[in-house]
Amino acid sequence: MDQKRLRELLDEATVDCYGEDEEFSGVLVTLDENLNFPLQAELLGDIVEVTGLSDRSNLRRGIVADIKKGERNTTANLADLTFVNPDPTSAELLAMYRYWLGE
């Protein structure tokens, strides 16, 4: 995905945001409202199901995902997940998140 498209998505997510806290909130809300959960991802070599975003997310910790591994529910940092065949909308938004992180 090209940087211009990532910048457009990020600009949409952070419109009227002032400062890091508001930018974080804008990105979080955009992801929470537009990612098509559940999503499959890999975490430390295991396939997990991402069921949503956690209310434990904050600027210091980053965006935290709710995940299910077998029968166990837990959380992981969204940046630590490698997504497996996400739908096009989710793929774009996840790429925008990594772009915002500077990856």
C-alpha atoms as a PDB file:
ATOM      1  CA  MET A   1       0.000   0.000   0.000  1.00  0.00           C
ATOM      2  CA  ASP A   2       1.404   3.377  -0.881  1.00  0.00           C
ATOM      3  CA  GLN A   3       2.196   6.078   1.651  1.00  0.00           C
ATOM      4  CA  LYS A   4      -0.243   8.527   0.097  1.00  0.00           C
ATOM      5  CA  ARG A   5      -3.194   6.196   0.790  1.00  0.00           C
ATOM      6  CA  LEU A   6      -1.960   5.493   4.319  1.00  0.00           C
ATOM      7  CA  ARG A   7      -1.662   9.248   4.953  1.00  0.00           C
ATOM      8  CA  GLU A   8      -5.229   9.774   3.649  1.00  0.00           C
ATOM      9  CA  LEU A   9      -6.578   7.104   6.015  1.00  0.00           C
ATOM     10  CA  LEU A  10      -4.633   8.556   8.919  1.00  0.00           C
ATOM     11  CA  ASP A  11      -5.844  12.074   8.129  1.00  0.00           C
ATOM     12  CA  GLU A  12      -9.439  10.809   8.158  1.00  0.00           C
ATOM     13  CA  ALA A  13      -8.902   9.091  11.514  1.00  0.00           C
ATOM     14  CA  THR A  14      -7.284  12.118  13.130  1.00  0.00           C
ATOM     15  CA  VAL A  15      -9.246  14.999  11.618  1.00  0.00           C
ATOM     16  CA  ASP A  16      -9.679  17.792  14.184  1.00  0.00           C
ATOM     17  CA  CYS A  17      -7.318  16.053  16.626  1.00  0.00           C
ATOM     18  CA  TYR A  18      -4.874  18.134  18.621  1.00  0.00           C
ATOM     19  CA  GLY A  19      -2.047  16.342  20.370  1.00  0.00           C
ATOM     20  CA  GLU A  20      -1.053  12.722  20.831  1.00  0.00           C
ATOM     21  CA  ASP A  21      -3.942  11.806  23.138  1.00  0.00           C
ATOM     22  CA  GLU A  22      -6.572  12.923  20.644  1.00  0.00           C
ATOM     23  CA  GLU A  23      -4.718  11.302  17.735  1.00  0.00           C
ATOM     24  CA  PHE A  24      -4.579   8.036  19.656  1.00  0.00           C
ATOM     25  CA  SER A  25      -8.303   8.244  20.374  1.00  0.00           C
ATOM     26  CA  GLY A  26      -9.066   8.981  16.725  1.00  0.00           C
ATOM     27  CA  VAL A  27      -7.070   5.990  15.501  1.00  0.00           C
ATOM     28  CA  LEU A  28      -8.569   3.728  18.189  1.00  0.00           C
ATOM     29  CA  VAL A  29     -12.154   4.701  17.380  1.00  0.00           C
ATOM     30  CA  THR A  30     -11.545   4.340  13.638  1.00  0.00           C
ATOM     31  CA  LEU A  31     -10.148   0.839  14.087  1.00  0.00           C
ATOM     32  CA  ASP A  32     -12.790  -0.208  16.595  1.00  0.00           C
ATOM     33  CA  GLU A  33     -15.652   0.935  14.372  1.00  0.00           C
ATOM     34  CA  ASN A  34     -14.289  -0.292  11.046  1.00  0.00           C
ATOM     35  CA  LEU A  35     -12.270  -3.476  11.528  1.00  0.00           C
ATOM     36  CA  ASN A  36     -14.320  -6.521  10.572  1.00  0.00           C
ATOM     37  CA  PHE A  37     -14.034  -8.735  13.646  1.00  0.00           C
ATOM     38  CA  PRO A  38     -13.328 -11.526  14.178  1.00  0.00           C
ATOM     39  CA  LEU A  39      -9.953 -11.532  12.466  1.00  0.00           C
ATOM     40  CA  GLN A  40      -7.364 -14.288  12.399  1.00  0.00           C
ATOM     41  CA  ALA A  41      -3.844 -13.417  13.455  1.00  0.00           C
ATOM     42  CA  GLU A  42      -0.603 -15.028  14.443  1.00  0.00           C
ATOM     43  CA  LEU A  43       0.919 -14.375  17.846  1.00  0.00           C
ATOM     44  CA  LEU A  44       4.188 -16.029  18.839  1.00  0.00           C
ATOM     45  CA  GLY A  45       3.664 -18.773  16.264  1.00  0.00           C
ATOM     46  CA  ASP A  46       0.070 -19.546  17.284  1.00  0.00           C
ATOM     47  CA  ILE A  47      -3.077 -18.707  15.346  1.00  0.00           C
ATOM     48  CA  VAL A  48      -5.504 -16.645  17.440  1.00  0.00           C
ATOM     49  CA  GLU A  49      -8.849 -15.003  16.830  1.00  0.00           C
ATOM     50  CA  VAL A  50      -9.021 -11.250  17.384  1.00  0.00           C
ATOM     51  CA  THR A  51     -12.521 -10.555  18.669  1.00  0.00           C
ATOM     52  CA  GLY A  52     -12.286  -6.801  19.254  1.00  0.00           C
ATOM     53  CA  LEU A  53     -10.289  -4.027  20.855  1.00  0.00           C
ATOM     54  CA  SER A  54      -9.836  -3.831  24.593  1.00  0.00           C
ATOM     55  CA  ASP A  55     -10.829  -1.010  26.895  1.00  0.00           C
ATOM     56  CA  ARG A  56      -7.313  -1.475  28.329  1.00  0.00           C
ATOM     57  CA  SER A  57      -5.946   0.438  25.320  1.00  0.00           C
ATOM     58  CA  ASN A  58      -4.247   3.729  26.123  1.00  0.00           C
ATOM     59  CA  LEU A  59      -1.564   5.979  24.710  1.00  0.00           C
ATOM     60  CA  ARG A  60       1.178   4.510  26.907  1.00  0.00           C
ATOM     61  CA  ARG A  61       0.252   0.850  26.346  1.00  0.00           C
ATOM     62  CA  GLY A  62      -0.965   1.187  22.769  1.00  0.00           C
ATOM     63  CA  ILE A  63      -3.998  -0.432  21.226  1.00  0.00           C
ATOM     64  CA  VAL A  64      -4.772  -3.710  22.929  1.00  0.00           C
ATOM     65  CA  ALA A  65      -6.728  -6.443  21.159  1.00  0.00           C
ATOM     66  CA  ASP A  66      -9.048  -8.963  22.762  1.00  0.00           C
ATOM     67  CA  ILE A  67      -8.004 -12.371  21.512  1.00  0.00           C
ATOM     68  CA  LYS A  68      -9.204 -15.913  21.827  1.00  0.00           C
ATOM     69  CA  LYS A  69      -6.790 -18.823  21.708  1.00  0.00           C
ATOM     70  CA  GLY A  70      -8.695 -22.066  21.892  1.00  0.00           C
ATOM     71  CA  GLU A  71     -11.031 -21.643  24.845  1.00  0.00           C
ATOM     72  CA  ARG A  72      -8.866 -18.996  26.504  1.00  0.00           C
ATOM     73  CA  ASN A  73      -9.659 -15.285  26.261  1.00  0.00           C
ATOM     74  CA  THR A  74      -6.787 -12.855  26.758  1.00  0.00           C
ATOM     75  CA  THR A  75      -5.312  -9.663  25.317  1.00  0.00           C
ATOM     76  CA  ALA A  76      -2.304  -8.740  23.197  1.00  0.00           C
ATOM     77  CA  ASN A  77      -0.889  -5.549  21.804  1.00  0.00           C
ATOM     78  CA  LEU A  78      -2.296  -5.013  18.315  1.00  0.00           C
ATOM     79  CA  ALA A  79       1.196  -4.213  17.015  1.00  0.00           C
ATOM     80  CA  ASP A  80       2.402  -7.682  18.103  1.00  0.00           C
ATOM     81  CA  LEU A  81      -0.105  -9.482  15.874  1.00  0.00           C
ATOM     82  CA  THR A  82       0.454 -10.584  12.292  1.00  0.00           C
ATOM     83  CA  PHE A  83      -2.917 -10.761  10.581  1.00  0.00           C
ATOM     84  CA  VAL A  84      -3.795 -13.703   8.359  1.00  0.00           C
ATOM     85  CA  ASN A  85      -5.745 -12.830   5.210  1.00  0.00           C
ATOM     86  CA  PRO A  86      -7.699  -9.854   6.557  1.00  0.00           C
ATOM     87  CA  ASP A  87     -10.470  -8.443   4.388  1.00  0.00           C
ATOM     88  CA  PRO A  88      -9.415  -5.428   2.259  1.00  0.00           C
ATOM     89  CA  THR A  89     -10.904  -2.793   4.596  1.00  0.00           C
ATOM     90  CA  SER A  90      -9.307  -4.298   7.677  1.00  0.00           C
ATOM     91  CA  ALA A  91      -5.974  -4.723   5.852  1.00  0.00           C
ATOM     92  CA  GLU A  92      -5.922  -1.036   4.919  1.00  0.00           C
ATOM     93  CA  LEU A  93      -6.764   0.105   8.429  1.00  0.00           C
ATOM     94  CA  LEU A  94      -4.203  -2.194  10.032  1.00  0.00           C
ATOM     95  CA  ALA A  95      -1.562  -0.867   7.621  1.00  0.00           C
ATOM     96  CA  MET A  96      -2.618   2.684   8.556  1.00  0.00           C
ATOM     97  CA  TYR A  97      -2.141   1.820  12.247  1.00  0.00           C
ATOM     98  CA  ARG A  98       1.379   0.530  11.615  1.00  0.00           C
ATOM     99  CA  TYR A  99       2.099   3.648   9.544  1.00  0.00           C
ATOM    100  CA  TRP A 100       0.909   5.804  12.466  1.00  0.00           C
ATOM    101  CA  LEU A 101       3.227   3.841  14.770  1.00  0.00           C
ATOM    102  CA  GLY A 102       6.100   4.602  12.429  1.00  0.00           C
ATOM    103  CA  GLU A 103       6.697   1.016  11.345  1.00  0.00           C
END
